[in-house]
Amino acid sequence: MGTYKFKLPDIGEGIAEAEIVAWHVKVGDTVEEDQQLADMMTDKATVEMESPVAGTVTKLAGEVGDQIAIGSVLVEIETEGAGPVEEKAAESTDEQPLADGMSEPTPAQAEEIPVTATADAPTSPKAQASAAPPRPEPETEAANRAQVLASPAVRARARDLGIDLAQVKTSGDRVRHSDLDAFLLYNGGTVSARGSAPRPDETIKVVGLRRKIAENMQEAKRRIPHFTLVEEFDVTDLEDTRAMMNRDRGSNPKLTLLPFLIAAMGKALPEWPMLNATFDDDAGVITRHGALNLGMATQTPNGLMVPVIRDAQAKSVWQLASEIVRLAEAARSGKASREELSGSSITLSSLGPMGGITSTPVINRPEVAIIAVNKVEEKVVVVDGELEVRKRMNLSLSCDHRVVDGWDAASFMQALKGYIEAPLRLLSA
């Protein structure tokens, strides 16, 4: 028998340490060669650590959230064979973000494409460990319920509510939360009137991407004096133009409002360059950027990320639509490169149809401005003395008051309004 000491390799230029964001083994586990051991996160990427040998795990270096120095022992593995195994660091691992649900990808930053919440998602091992044990059921009742297809979360909720799943009607292949809701509304009083049992308390350690997001937001609010300006835009003509272009789009991706808004920003920002800027407040230097490198805040299963559309001012609305789809998918799948997640000069955030009436977005430091897109609503407005139903949308602009004056922000919004409300002017060369 021998002991292999797996040392944390150099997983990034200039990186001195990495954070443990997930363990995939525990002491006593038998592992195979190339089996995943842990996920380690640096400032720029999350990297999978795989075992170079087969054996039994005898020691782990720390817990999730701990920082481990490059070159220090991460895992000790007992191997077959006589004599100790040579202690050596594993070969350097290319920085590659993981796929959705496996770990946190690189940080940064809500794009128009709505976030899809997956129903009945599997519970994490830690959450399963903290959940209360199921209550014992009589054998016959348990057998009847076992015949009904439902996720563990739905079964637990039904148990807490005193609902027999066999009595719940569903139009699908299994009982879902919506079916429980309908049963509660229309069951005619067959369920006991007691309230729902409270969910058990859950303790969640803030690690990985969530920790990075928390730190970045805290620094942005602590160091940047924000002010927010909200302006209402009439997007009736733009929506008509968008619908017309989508009817004859061929192989192009479907146009949303975002490509038009980005195109309008590309035309308006050259006149108001103080908004397309970054501020190094430590050095006291403001950089006004010539190109529009637009950060597109995107919600992913692991948190908020900001892939960047480079030279957005030089792209057509069709090209912008393609980039939005490509970068959003790369961010959500964990395949966005480091270059695609850095270097933005101003950020655009959108929750699409889920957006509220207004919002106060937090600036993506070191940028000095961020625009949030709110939902489109039909409103009755006065046009030339007559009442008309028009499509209206609010845009919220947050600025760093150290760099951007209120007059500049208001002037930029009016310039933007001029392009958004006149689509032909926006689409002209």
Protein backbone atom coordinates (compact mmCIF):
# COMPACT_ATOMS: atom_id res chain seq x y z
CA MET A 1 0.00 0.00 0.00
CA GLY A 2 1.18 3.56 -0.62
CA THR A 3 -0.08 7.11 -0.25
CA TYR A 4 -0.44 9.51 -3.17
CA LYS A 5 -0.49 13.17 -2.21
CA PHE A 6 -2.41 15.11 -4.83
CA LYS A 7 -1.08 18.67 -4.84
CA LEU A 8 -3.08 21.61 -6.19
CA PRO A 9 -1.54 22.48 -9.57
CA ASP A 10 -0.97 25.95 -10.99
CA ILE A 11 -4.37 26.55 -12.56
CA GLY A 12 -3.92 30.12 -13.72
CA GLU A 13 -1.22 32.65 -14.41
CA GLY A 14 -0.40 34.61 -11.27
CA ILE A 15 -2.83 32.60 -9.11
CA ALA A 16 -1.49 31.93 -5.59
CA GLU A 17 -4.50 30.11 -4.19
CA ALA A 18 -7.92 28.75 -5.13
CA GLU A 19 -11.18 28.26 -3.29
CA ILE A 20 -12.83 24.89 -2.76
CA VAL A 21 -16.35 25.29 -4.15
CA ALA A 22 -17.39 21.62 -4.18
CA TRP A 23 -16.15 18.23 -3.01
CA HIS A 24 -17.17 15.20 -5.07
CA VAL A 25 -15.56 12.68 -2.71
CA LYS A 26 -15.24 12.14 1.03
CA VAL A 27 -12.82 10.29 3.26
CA GLY A 28 -13.27 6.55 2.77
CA ASP A 29 -14.50 6.78 -0.82
CA THR A 30 -12.94 4.57 -3.46
CA VAL A 31 -11.96 6.56 -6.54
CA GLU A 32 -10.94 5.57 -10.05
CA GLU A 33 -8.29 7.20 -12.18
CA ASP A 34 -9.61 10.44 -13.77
CA GLN A 35 -12.56 10.55 -11.36
CA GLN A 36 -13.57 14.07 -10.35
CA LEU A 37 -12.38 14.98 -6.85
CA ALA A 38 -13.23 18.65 -6.36
CA ASP A 39 -14.08 21.94 -8.07
CA MET A 40 -11.64 24.78 -7.42
CA MET A 41 -12.42 28.42 -8.19
CA THR A 42 -9.96 31.21 -8.93
CA ASP A 43 -10.82 34.84 -9.66
CA LYS A 44 -11.42 33.92 -13.30
CA ALA A 45 -12.54 30.33 -13.62
CA THR A 46 -13.80 27.16 -11.97
CA VAL A 47 -11.61 24.12 -12.63
CA GLU A 48 -12.27 20.40 -12.16
CA MET A 49 -9.69 18.47 -10.19
CA GLU A 50 -9.43 14.83 -11.30
CA SER A 51 -7.60 11.98 -9.62
CA PRO A 52 -4.49 10.78 -11.45
CA VAL A 53 -4.59 7.47 -9.56
CA ALA A 54 -7.08 4.89 -8.28
CA GLY A 55 -7.40 4.18 -4.59
CA THR A 56 -9.13 5.16 -1.36
CA VAL A 57 -9.43 8.75 -0.14
CA THR A 58 -7.78 9.09 3.28
CA LYS A 59 -7.58 12.87 3.75
CA LEU A 60 -9.10 16.09 2.38
CA ALA A 61 -7.37 19.46 2.73
CA GLY A 62 -10.34 21.54 3.86
CA GLU A 63 -14.03 22.35 3.61
CA VAL A 64 -16.08 24.11 0.94
CA GLY A 65 -15.17 27.80 1.07
CA ASP A 66 -11.58 27.26 2.24
CA GLN A 67 -8.70 28.77 0.29
CA ILE A 68 -5.93 26.32 -0.70
CA ALA A 69 -2.46 27.47 -1.74
CA ILE A 70 -1.07 26.36 -5.09
CA GLY A 71 1.28 23.43 -4.57
CA SER A 72 -0.19 22.34 -1.24
CA VAL A 73 -1.74 18.89 -0.74
CA LEU A 74 -5.42 18.84 -1.67
CA VAL A 75 -6.24 15.11 -1.34
CA GLU A 76 -4.37 12.07 -0.02
CA ILE A 77 -5.21 8.75 -1.67
CA GLU A 78 -4.16 5.29 -0.48
CA THR A 79 -3.17 3.18 -3.48
CA GLU A 80 -2.50 -0.48 -4.13
CA GLY A 81 1.10 -1.69 -4.38
CA ALA A 82 4.16 -1.73 -2.17
CA GLY A 83 5.91 1.39 -0.95
CA PRO A 84 4.86 5.01 -0.94
CA VAL A 85 3.71 6.66 -4.10
CA GLU A 86 5.84 9.55 -5.27
CA GLU A 87 4.52 12.88 -4.05
CA LYS A 88 4.06 15.14 -7.03
CA ALA A 89 1.73 17.85 -8.25
CA ALA A 90 -0.78 17.01 -10.92
CA GLU A 91 -0.23 18.42 -14.35
CA SER A 92 -1.62 21.90 -14.88
CA THR A 93 -5.28 21.90 -15.80
CA ASP A 94 -6.64 24.20 -18.49
CA GLU A 95 -9.05 26.71 -17.06
CA GLN A 96 -12.44 25.59 -18.24
CA PRO A 97 -15.75 26.52 -16.57
CA LEU A 98 -17.99 23.60 -15.75
CA ALA A 99 -21.37 22.78 -17.16
CA ASP A 100 -24.58 23.96 -15.51
CA GLY A 101 -25.27 22.47 -12.11
CA MET A 102 -21.74 21.09 -11.60
CA SER A 103 -20.08 24.16 -10.14
CA GLU A 104 -20.02 27.92 -10.19
CA PRO A 105 -18.54 29.42 -13.39
CA THR A 106 -16.55 32.61 -13.60
CA PRO A 107 -18.20 35.70 -12.06
CA ALA A 108 -19.38 38.95 -13.50
CA GLN A 109 -23.02 39.83 -14.78
CA ALA A 110 -30.21 40.16 -16.47
CA GLU A 111 -30.53 39.73 -20.10
CA GLU A 112 -33.83 39.80 -21.86
CA ILE A 113 -34.07 36.06 -22.33
CA PRO A 114 -36.16 34.98 -19.31
CA VAL A 115 -34.70 32.64 -16.77
CA THR A 116 -36.39 29.23 -16.92
CA ALA A 117 -36.96 27.74 -13.50
CA THR A 118 -36.71 23.96 -13.71
CA ALA A 119 -39.42 22.33 -11.68
CA ASP A 120 -38.64 19.55 -9.29
CA ALA A 121 -34.87 20.07 -9.49
CA PRO A 122 -32.81 17.52 -7.55
CA THR A 123 -31.87 18.62 -4.09
CA SER A 124 -28.19 19.09 -3.30
CA PRO A 125 -26.55 16.58 -0.93
CA LYS A 126 -26.11 19.27 1.71
CA ALA A 127 -29.78 20.31 1.48
CA GLN A 128 -30.82 16.65 1.65
CA ALA A 129 -28.74 16.19 4.78
CA SER A 130 -30.39 19.20 6.46
CA ALA A 131 -33.96 18.23 5.51
CA ALA A 132 -36.18 16.66 8.15
CA PRO A 133 -36.56 12.84 7.88
CA PRO A 134 -39.83 11.61 6.34
CA ARG A 135 -42.63 10.65 8.69
CA PRO A 136 -43.43 6.92 8.78
CA GLU A 137 -46.62 5.93 6.96
CA PRO A 138 -48.85 2.87 7.24
CA GLU A 139 -47.81 0.21 4.74
CA THR A 140 -51.03 0.37 2.68
CA GLU A 141 -51.01 4.18 2.47
CA ALA A 142 -47.34 4.24 1.55
CA ALA A 143 -47.94 1.62 -1.16
CA ASN A 144 -50.78 3.66 -2.72
CA ARG A 145 -48.69 6.83 -2.74
CA ALA A 146 -45.68 5.03 -4.20
CA GLN A 147 -47.75 4.26 -7.31
CA VAL A 148 -48.17 7.99 -8.01
CA LEU A 149 -45.29 9.63 -9.87
CA ALA A 150 -44.06 12.78 -8.11
CA SER A 151 -40.77 14.39 -7.17
CA PRO A 152 -39.44 14.19 -3.60
CA ALA A 153 -40.24 17.89 -3.14
CA VAL A 154 -43.87 17.41 -4.20
CA ARG A 155 -44.21 14.32 -1.98
CA ALA A 156 -42.82 16.21 1.01
CA ARG A 157 -45.19 19.13 0.45
CA ALA A 158 -48.18 16.80 0.05
CA ARG A 159 -47.21 15.01 3.26
CA ASP A 160 -46.96 18.31 5.17
CA LEU A 161 -50.39 19.36 3.83
CA GLY A 162 -51.98 16.00 4.61
CA ILE A 163 -52.83 15.38 0.96
CA ASP A 164 -53.12 11.85 -0.47
CA LEU A 165 -51.32 12.04 -3.82
CA ALA A 166 -53.56 9.27 -5.19
CA GLN A 167 -56.48 11.73 -4.98
CA VAL A 168 -54.72 14.51 -6.91
CA LYS A 169 -55.60 14.83 -10.60
CA THR A 170 -52.87 15.76 -13.08
CA SER A 171 -52.82 16.33 -16.83
CA GLY A 172 -49.19 15.24 -17.10
CA ASP A 173 -47.19 12.14 -16.34
CA ARG A 174 -46.66 13.06 -12.69
CA VAL A 175 -48.10 15.21 -9.91
CA ARG A 176 -46.52 18.65 -9.77
CA HIS A 177 -46.74 21.61 -7.41
CA SER A 178 -49.35 23.27 -9.67
CA ASP A 179 -51.53 20.16 -9.30
CA LEU A 180 -51.29 20.45 -5.51
CA ASP A 181 -52.27 24.12 -5.76
CA ALA A 182 -55.33 23.23 -7.85
CA PHE A 183 -56.28 20.46 -5.43
CA LEU A 184 -56.12 22.87 -2.49
CA LEU A 185 -58.37 25.33 -4.30
CA TYR A 186 -60.99 22.88 -5.56
CA ASN A 187 -60.93 19.86 -3.27
CA GLY A 188 -64.16 20.90 -1.52
CA GLY A 189 -62.77 20.86 2.01
CA THR A 190 -61.39 17.32 2.06
CA VAL A 191 -58.02 18.60 3.24
CA SER A 192 -57.68 19.49 6.87
CA ALA A 193 -57.81 23.21 7.62
CA ARG A 194 -54.46 23.25 9.39
CA GLY A 195 -51.79 25.50 7.90
CA SER A 196 -48.78 24.22 6.02
CA ALA A 197 -45.91 23.00 8.16
CA PRO A 198 -42.93 25.36 8.01
CA ARG A 199 -39.96 24.36 5.90
CA PRO A 200 -36.92 23.36 7.94
CA ASP A 201 -34.28 26.06 8.41
CA GLU A 202 -31.41 25.79 5.96
CA THR A 203 -27.87 27.04 6.45
CA ILE A 204 -26.06 27.89 3.21
CA LYS A 205 -22.38 28.75 3.12
CA VAL A 206 -21.63 31.66 0.77
CA VAL A 207 -18.91 30.34 -1.53
CA GLY A 208 -17.77 30.42 -5.13
CA LEU A 209 -19.65 32.61 -7.59
CA ARG A 210 -22.23 33.69 -5.00
CA ARG A 211 -19.40 34.96 -2.77
CA LYS A 212 -17.82 36.82 -5.72
CA ILE A 213 -21.15 38.44 -6.61
CA ALA A 214 -21.69 39.48 -2.99
CA GLU A 215 -18.22 41.01 -2.77
CA ASN A 216 -18.58 42.87 -6.08
CA MET A 217 -22.01 44.27 -5.21
CA GLN A 218 -20.83 45.35 -1.76
CA GLU A 219 -17.81 47.15 -3.21
CA ALA A 220 -19.93 48.82 -5.89
CA LYS A 221 -22.44 50.20 -3.38
CA ARG A 222 -19.75 51.13 -0.86
CA ARG A 223 -17.45 52.96 -3.28
CA ILE A 224 -19.81 54.36 -5.93
CA PRO A 225 -22.29 57.18 -5.23
CA HIS A 226 -25.18 55.96 -7.40
CA PHE A 227 -28.00 58.02 -8.84
CA THR A 228 -30.77 56.59 -11.01
CA LEU A 229 -32.76 58.30 -13.76
CA VAL A 230 -35.92 56.70 -15.18
CA GLU A 231 -37.42 57.71 -18.53
CA GLU A 232 -40.52 56.38 -20.31
CA PHE A 233 -40.15 55.38 -23.96
CA ASP A 234 -42.87 54.86 -26.57
CA VAL A 235 -41.95 51.60 -28.33
CA THR A 236 -45.12 51.17 -30.42
CA ASP A 237 -43.43 51.88 -33.77
CA LEU A 238 -40.34 49.91 -32.76
CA GLU A 239 -42.46 46.88 -31.86
CA ASP A 240 -44.22 47.12 -35.23
CA THR A 241 -40.84 47.30 -36.98
CA ARG A 242 -39.52 44.37 -34.99
CA ALA A 243 -42.57 42.23 -35.85
CA MET A 244 -42.21 43.10 -39.55
CA MET A 245 -38.50 42.16 -39.57
CA ASN A 246 -39.17 38.90 -37.73
CA ARG A 247 -41.73 37.82 -40.33
CA ASP A 248 -38.99 37.81 -42.96
CA ARG A 249 -35.96 36.87 -40.88
CA GLY A 250 -34.99 33.71 -42.76
CA SER A 251 -32.21 31.89 -40.86
CA ASN A 252 -31.54 34.85 -38.58
CA PRO A 253 -32.41 34.58 -34.87
CA LYS A 254 -35.66 36.12 -33.70
CA LEU A 255 -35.27 39.79 -32.86
CA THR A 256 -36.07 40.99 -29.35
CA LEU A 257 -35.98 44.60 -28.16
CA LEU A 258 -32.39 44.27 -26.97
CA PRO A 259 -30.60 44.43 -30.35
CA PHE A 260 -32.45 47.66 -31.17
CA LEU A 261 -31.61 49.15 -27.78
CA ILE A 262 -27.93 48.22 -28.12
CA ALA A 263 -27.87 49.72 -31.62
CA ALA A 264 -29.39 52.93 -30.22
CA MET A 265 -26.74 53.01 -27.49
CA GLY A 266 -24.05 52.64 -30.14
CA LYS A 267 -25.38 55.73 -31.93
CA ALA A 268 -25.99 57.87 -28.83
CA LEU A 269 -22.90 57.18 -26.72
CA PRO A 270 -20.31 58.89 -28.98
CA GLU A 271 -22.03 62.20 -28.15
CA TRP A 272 -22.02 61.38 -24.43
CA PRO A 273 -18.75 59.44 -23.94
CA MET A 274 -18.64 60.01 -20.18
CA LEU A 275 -21.18 57.18 -19.80
CA ASN A 276 -19.18 54.67 -21.87
CA ALA A 277 -16.30 54.79 -19.43
CA THR A 278 -14.48 53.05 -16.59
CA PHE A 279 -13.09 54.71 -13.46
CA ASP A 280 -9.99 53.50 -11.66
CA ASP A 281 -10.70 55.30 -8.39
CA ASP A 282 -7.49 54.02 -6.79
CA ALA A 283 -5.38 55.67 -9.49
CA GLY A 284 -7.82 58.53 -10.03
CA VAL A 285 -8.06 57.84 -13.79
CA ILE A 286 -11.17 57.84 -16.01
CA THR A 287 -10.99 56.01 -19.35
CA ARG A 288 -13.54 57.01 -21.97
CA HIS A 289 -13.82 54.08 -24.36
CA GLY A 290 -14.13 54.61 -28.09
CA ALA A 291 -15.76 51.23 -28.76
CA LEU A 292 -18.99 50.04 -27.19
CA ASN A 293 -18.03 46.82 -25.41
CA LEU A 294 -21.42 46.05 -23.98
CA GLY A 295 -21.76 43.89 -20.88
CA MET A 296 -24.94 41.80 -21.08
CA ALA A 297 -26.08 40.87 -17.57
CA THR A 298 -27.23 37.25 -17.81
CA GLN A 299 -28.84 35.05 -15.19
CA THR A 300 -27.40 31.53 -15.10
CA PRO A 301 -28.19 28.51 -12.91
CA ASN A 302 -25.14 29.41 -10.85
CA GLY A 303 -25.62 33.17 -10.55
CA LEU A 304 -25.33 36.44 -12.45
CA MET A 305 -22.67 36.72 -15.18
CA VAL A 306 -21.78 39.45 -17.69
CA PRO A 307 -20.59 38.24 -21.12
CA VAL A 308 -19.40 41.05 -23.39
CA ILE A 309 -20.48 42.00 -26.93
CA ARG A 310 -17.35 43.64 -28.34
CA ASP A 311 -17.55 46.55 -30.80
CA ALA A 312 -21.33 46.50 -30.53
CA GLN A 313 -21.57 49.88 -32.27
CA ALA A 314 -20.29 48.28 -35.51
CA LYS A 315 -22.84 45.44 -35.60
CA SER A 316 -26.26 45.29 -37.24
CA VAL A 317 -29.35 44.34 -35.23
CA TRP A 318 -29.17 40.85 -36.76
CA GLN A 319 -25.54 40.44 -35.73
CA LEU A 320 -26.35 41.74 -32.25
CA ALA A 321 -29.22 39.25 -31.95
CA SER A 322 -26.88 36.40 -32.86
CA GLU A 323 -24.28 37.53 -30.31
CA ILE A 324 -26.90 37.84 -27.57
CA VAL A 325 -28.05 34.25 -28.14
CA ARG A 326 -24.51 32.88 -28.44
CA LEU A 327 -23.09 34.60 -25.36
CA ALA A 328 -26.13 33.91 -23.19
CA GLU A 329 -25.91 30.21 -24.02
CA ALA A 330 -22.15 30.16 -23.39
CA ALA A 331 -22.63 31.80 -20.00
CA ARG A 332 -25.45 29.48 -18.95
CA SER A 333 -23.61 26.34 -20.06
CA GLY A 334 -20.37 27.42 -18.37
CA LYS A 335 -18.49 27.58 -21.69
CA ALA A 336 -17.86 31.33 -21.88
CA SER A 337 -14.15 32.14 -22.15
CA ARG A 338 -12.29 34.56 -19.90
CA GLU A 339 -12.13 37.10 -22.74
CA GLU A 340 -15.89 36.87 -23.23
CA LEU A 341 -16.46 37.67 -19.55
CA SER A 342 -14.25 40.74 -19.15
CA GLY A 343 -13.58 44.17 -20.60
CA SER A 344 -17.07 45.68 -20.69
CA SER A 345 -17.42 49.47 -20.81
CA ILE A 346 -21.14 49.75 -19.93
CA THR A 347 -23.71 47.11 -18.92
CA LEU A 348 -27.27 46.41 -20.05
CA SER A 349 -29.58 44.46 -17.72
CA SER A 350 -32.99 43.09 -18.62
CA LEU A 351 -35.49 40.70 -17.05
CA GLY A 352 -37.60 40.68 -20.20
CA PRO A 353 -41.35 40.25 -19.60
CA MET A 354 -40.63 39.62 -15.90
CA GLY A 355 -39.17 43.11 -15.50
CA GLY A 356 -40.99 45.51 -13.21
CA ILE A 357 -42.25 49.03 -13.80
CA THR A 358 -38.90 50.48 -12.78
CA SER A 359 -35.62 49.39 -11.20
CA THR A 360 -32.43 50.77 -9.66
CA PRO A 361 -29.59 48.67 -11.13
CA VAL A 362 -26.22 48.45 -9.37
CA ILE A 363 -23.23 49.58 -11.44
CA ASN A 364 -20.81 46.89 -12.62
CA ARG A 365 -17.61 48.37 -11.21
CA PRO A 366 -15.29 49.80 -12.63
CA GLU A 367 -17.88 50.95 -15.17
CA VAL A 368 -19.70 54.22 -14.47
CA ALA A 369 -23.17 53.44 -15.88
CA ILE A 370 -25.69 50.62 -16.28
CA ILE A 371 -29.06 50.54 -18.05
CA ALA A 372 -31.94 48.32 -16.89
CA VAL A 373 -34.80 47.45 -19.25
CA ASN A 374 -38.26 47.22 -17.72
CA LYS A 375 -41.31 45.48 -19.15
CA VAL A 376 -43.41 46.77 -22.06
CA GLU A 377 -46.99 47.69 -21.16
CA GLU A 378 -49.95 48.97 -23.13
CA LYS A 379 -51.15 52.32 -21.83
CA VAL A 380 -53.82 54.83 -22.77
CA VAL A 381 -51.97 58.07 -23.56
CA VAL A 382 -52.82 61.41 -25.13
CA VAL A 383 -51.41 61.81 -28.67
CA ASP A 384 -52.18 65.07 -30.49
CA GLY A 385 -55.16 65.64 -28.24
CA GLU A 386 -56.60 62.16 -28.82
CA LEU A 387 -56.56 59.08 -26.56
CA GLU A 388 -54.59 56.18 -27.99
CA VAL A 389 -53.39 52.82 -26.71
CA ARG A 390 -49.60 52.80 -27.02
CA LYS A 391 -46.83 50.41 -25.99
CA ARG A 392 -44.65 52.06 -23.37
CA MET A 393 -41.48 50.96 -21.58
CA ASN A 394 -39.34 52.48 -18.84
CA LEU A 395 -35.55 52.48 -19.00
CA SER A 396 -33.59 52.95 -15.76
CA LEU A 397 -30.10 54.45 -15.94
CA SER A 398 -27.81 54.28 -12.88
CA CYS A 399 -24.66 56.40 -12.98
CA ASP A 400 -21.55 57.04 -10.91
CA HIS A 401 -22.08 60.62 -9.74
CA ARG A 402 -18.31 61.13 -9.40
CA VAL A 403 -18.00 60.86 -13.18
CA VAL A 404 -21.45 61.50 -14.68
CA ASP A 405 -23.50 64.65 -13.99
CA GLY A 406 -27.29 64.57 -13.94
CA TRP A 407 -27.48 66.78 -17.02
CA ASP A 408 -25.28 64.37 -18.98
CA ALA A 409 -27.39 61.37 -17.94
CA ALA A 410 -30.65 63.12 -18.85
CA SER A 411 -29.24 64.29 -22.19
CA PHE A 412 -28.06 60.78 -23.06
CA MET A 413 -31.49 59.36 -22.24
CA GLN A 414 -33.17 61.90 -24.53
CA ALA A 415 -30.73 61.02 -27.32
CA LEU A 416 -31.53 57.34 -26.78
CA LYS A 417 -35.24 58.15 -26.81
CA GLY A 418 -34.88 59.85 -30.18
CA TYR A 419 -33.51 56.66 -31.75
CA ILE A 420 -35.85 54.20 -29.99
CA GLU A 421 -38.98 56.14 -30.91
CA ALA A 422 -37.89 56.58 -34.55
CA PRO A 423 -36.90 53.09 -35.79
CA LEU A 424 -36.13 54.22 -39.35
CA ARG A 425 -33.60 56.72 -37.99
CA LEU A 426 -32.15 53.98 -35.80
CA LEU A 427 -31.74 51.53 -38.68
CA SER A 428 -30.29 54.02 -41.15
CA ALA A 429 -26.55 54.00 -41.72
